[in-house]
């Protein structure tokens, strides 16, 4: 098989707009009618509060180090790790 260095490149483009629209529609159709995004977010916050509550001194030190390194997000005042 030989390569012809003088051949022009062919531009190949695909518009994924329709596929993205179909994907989003499928996600929305899969969600339950009673899905409550704010309740889901509150549940996640409660889970994080439990996860980072009751840390001993060494665990708190490691947590603070990870927050300072921006590996973990800084919790707002009033949260268990704050």
C-alpha atoms as a PDB file:
ATOM      1  CA  UNK A   1       0.000   0.000   0.000  1.00  0.00           C
ATOM      2  CA  UNK A   2       1.520   3.282  -1.023  1.00  0.00           C
ATOM      3  CA  UNK A   3       0.833   6.720   0.327  1.00  0.00           C
ATOM      4  CA  UNK A   4       0.310   9.603  -1.991  1.00  0.00           C
ATOM      5  CA  UNK A   5       1.661  12.729  -0.236  1.00  0.00           C
ATOM      6  CA  UNK A   6       0.039  14.952  -2.843  1.00  0.00           C
ATOM      7  CA  UNK A   7      -3.521  13.872  -2.054  1.00  0.00           C
ATOM      8  CA  UNK A   8      -5.811  16.399  -0.412  1.00  0.00           C
ATOM      9  CA  UNK A   9      -7.310  15.704   3.006  1.00  0.00           C
ATOM     10  CA  UNK A  10     -11.024  15.159   3.142  1.00  0.00           C
ATOM     11  CA  UNK A  11     -12.960  17.038   5.805  1.00  0.00           C
ATOM     12  CA  UNK A  12     -15.356  14.743   7.629  1.00  0.00           C
ATOM     13  CA  UNK A  13     -17.897  16.423   9.905  1.00  0.00           C
ATOM     14  CA  UNK A  14     -20.781  15.030  11.916  1.00  0.00           C
ATOM     15  CA  UNK A  15     -23.425  17.199  13.513  1.00  0.00           C
ATOM     16  CA  UNK A  16     -24.325  15.531  16.820  1.00  0.00           C
ATOM     17  CA  UNK A  17     -27.059  18.000  17.733  1.00  0.00           C
ATOM     18  CA  UNK A  18     -29.864  15.584  16.904  1.00  0.00           C
ATOM     19  CA  UNK A  19     -28.202  12.726  18.790  1.00  0.00           C
ATOM     20  CA  UNK A  20     -27.661  14.938  21.847  1.00  0.00           C
ATOM     21  CA  UNK A  21     -31.320  15.938  21.747  1.00  0.00           C
ATOM     22  CA  UNK A  22     -32.331  12.273  21.587  1.00  0.00           C
ATOM     23  CA  UNK A  23     -30.002  11.424  24.476  1.00  0.00           C
ATOM     24  CA  UNK A  24     -31.434  14.191  26.662  1.00  0.00           C
ATOM     25  CA  UNK A  25     -34.989  13.145  25.814  1.00  0.00           C
ATOM     26  CA  UNK A  26     -34.158   9.544  26.790  1.00  0.00           C
ATOM     27  CA  UNK A  27     -32.728  10.701  30.135  1.00  0.00           C
ATOM     28  CA  UNK A  28     -35.810  12.781  30.893  1.00  0.00           C
ATOM     29  CA  UNK A  29     -38.094   9.886  29.893  1.00  0.00           C
ATOM     30  CA  UNK A  30     -36.194   7.538  32.228  1.00  0.00           C
ATOM     31  CA  UNK A  31     -36.666   9.814  35.242  1.00  0.00           C
ATOM     32  CA  UNK A  32     -39.596   9.062  37.488  1.00  0.00           C
ATOM     33  CA  UNK A  33     -42.489  11.549  37.411  1.00  0.00           C
ATOM     34  CA  UNK A  34     -42.008  12.310  41.125  1.00  0.00           C
ATOM     35  CA  UNK A  35     -38.283  13.070  40.760  1.00  0.00           C
ATOM     36  CA  UNK A  36     -37.434  16.053  42.952  1.00  0.00           C
ATOM     37  CA  UNK A  37     -33.987  17.545  42.162  1.00  0.00           C
ATOM     38  CA  UNK A  38     -33.883  19.815  45.265  1.00  0.00           C
ATOM     39  CA  UNK A  39     -34.678  16.824  47.494  1.00  0.00           C
ATOM     40  CA  UNK A  40     -31.892  14.839  45.836  1.00  0.00           C
ATOM     41  CA  UNK A  41     -29.434  17.688  46.473  1.00  0.00           C
ATOM     42  CA  UNK A  42     -30.535  17.946  50.126  1.00  0.00           C
ATOM     43  CA  UNK A  43     -30.029  14.196  50.495  1.00  0.00           C
ATOM     44  CA  UNK A  44     -26.509  14.477  49.089  1.00  0.00           C
ATOM     45  CA  UNK A  45     -25.708  17.308  51.504  1.00  0.00           C
ATOM     46  CA  UNK A  46     -26.999  15.216  54.404  1.00  0.00           C
ATOM     47  CA  UNK A  47     -24.846  12.295  53.268  1.00  0.00           C
ATOM     48  CA  UNK A  48     -21.747  14.527  53.146  1.00  0.00           C
ATOM     49  CA  UNK A  49     -22.581  15.872  56.603  1.00  0.00           C
ATOM     50  CA  UNK A  50     -22.693  12.323  57.948  1.00  0.00           C
ATOM     51  CA  UNK A  51     -19.551  11.322  56.089  1.00  0.00           C
ATOM     52  CA  UNK A  52     -17.462  14.130  57.557  1.00  0.00           C
ATOM     53  CA  UNK A  53     -19.004  14.214  61.045  1.00  0.00           C
ATOM     54  CA  UNK A  54     -17.327  12.742  64.103  1.00  0.00           C
ATOM     55  CA  UNK A  55     -13.809  12.893  62.692  1.00  0.00           C
ATOM     56  CA  UNK A  56     -11.046  12.291  65.191  1.00  0.00           C
ATOM     57  CA  UNK A  57      -8.113  14.712  65.384  1.00  0.00           C
ATOM     58  CA  UNK A  58      -5.979  12.907  62.762  1.00  0.00           C
ATOM     59  CA  UNK A  59      -8.906  12.477  60.382  1.00  0.00           C
ATOM     60  CA  UNK A  60      -9.786  16.173  60.739  1.00  0.00           C
ATOM     61  CA  UNK A  61      -6.160  17.072  59.982  1.00  0.00           C
ATOM     62  CA  UNK A  62      -6.238  14.975  56.800  1.00  0.00           C
ATOM     63  CA  UNK A  63      -9.622  16.429  55.842  1.00  0.00           C
ATOM     64  CA  UNK A  64      -8.290  19.975  56.299  1.00  0.00           C
ATOM     65  CA  UNK A  65      -5.222  19.115  54.233  1.00  0.00           C
ATOM     66  CA  UNK A  66      -7.417  17.799  51.386  1.00  0.00           C
ATOM     67  CA  UNK A  67      -9.605  20.909  51.519  1.00  0.00           C
ATOM     68  CA  UNK A  68      -6.522  23.175  51.450  1.00  0.00           C
ATOM     69  CA  UNK A  69      -5.219  21.218  48.432  1.00  0.00           C
ATOM     70  CA  UNK A  70      -8.657  21.710  46.789  1.00  0.00           C
ATOM     71  CA  UNK A  71      -9.175  17.953  46.527  1.00  0.00           C
ATOM     72  CA  UNK A  72     -12.369  18.304  48.582  1.00  0.00           C
ATOM     73  CA  UNK A  73     -14.679  21.319  48.476  1.00  0.00           C
ATOM     74  CA  UNK A  74     -14.744  23.635  51.469  1.00  0.00           C
ATOM     75  CA  UNK A  75     -17.914  23.101  53.463  1.00  0.00           C
ATOM     76  CA  UNK A  76     -20.077  26.065  54.445  1.00  0.00           C
ATOM     77  CA  UNK A  77     -20.324  27.040  58.121  1.00  0.00           C
ATOM     78  CA  UNK A  78     -22.923  24.925  59.848  1.00  0.00           C
ATOM     79  CA  UNK A  79     -21.837  21.733  58.146  1.00  0.00           C
ATOM     80  CA  UNK A  80     -20.409  18.916  60.216  1.00  0.00           C
ATOM     81  CA  UNK A  81     -16.840  19.292  58.968  1.00  0.00           C
ATOM     82  CA  UNK A  82     -16.763  23.057  59.401  1.00  0.00           C
END
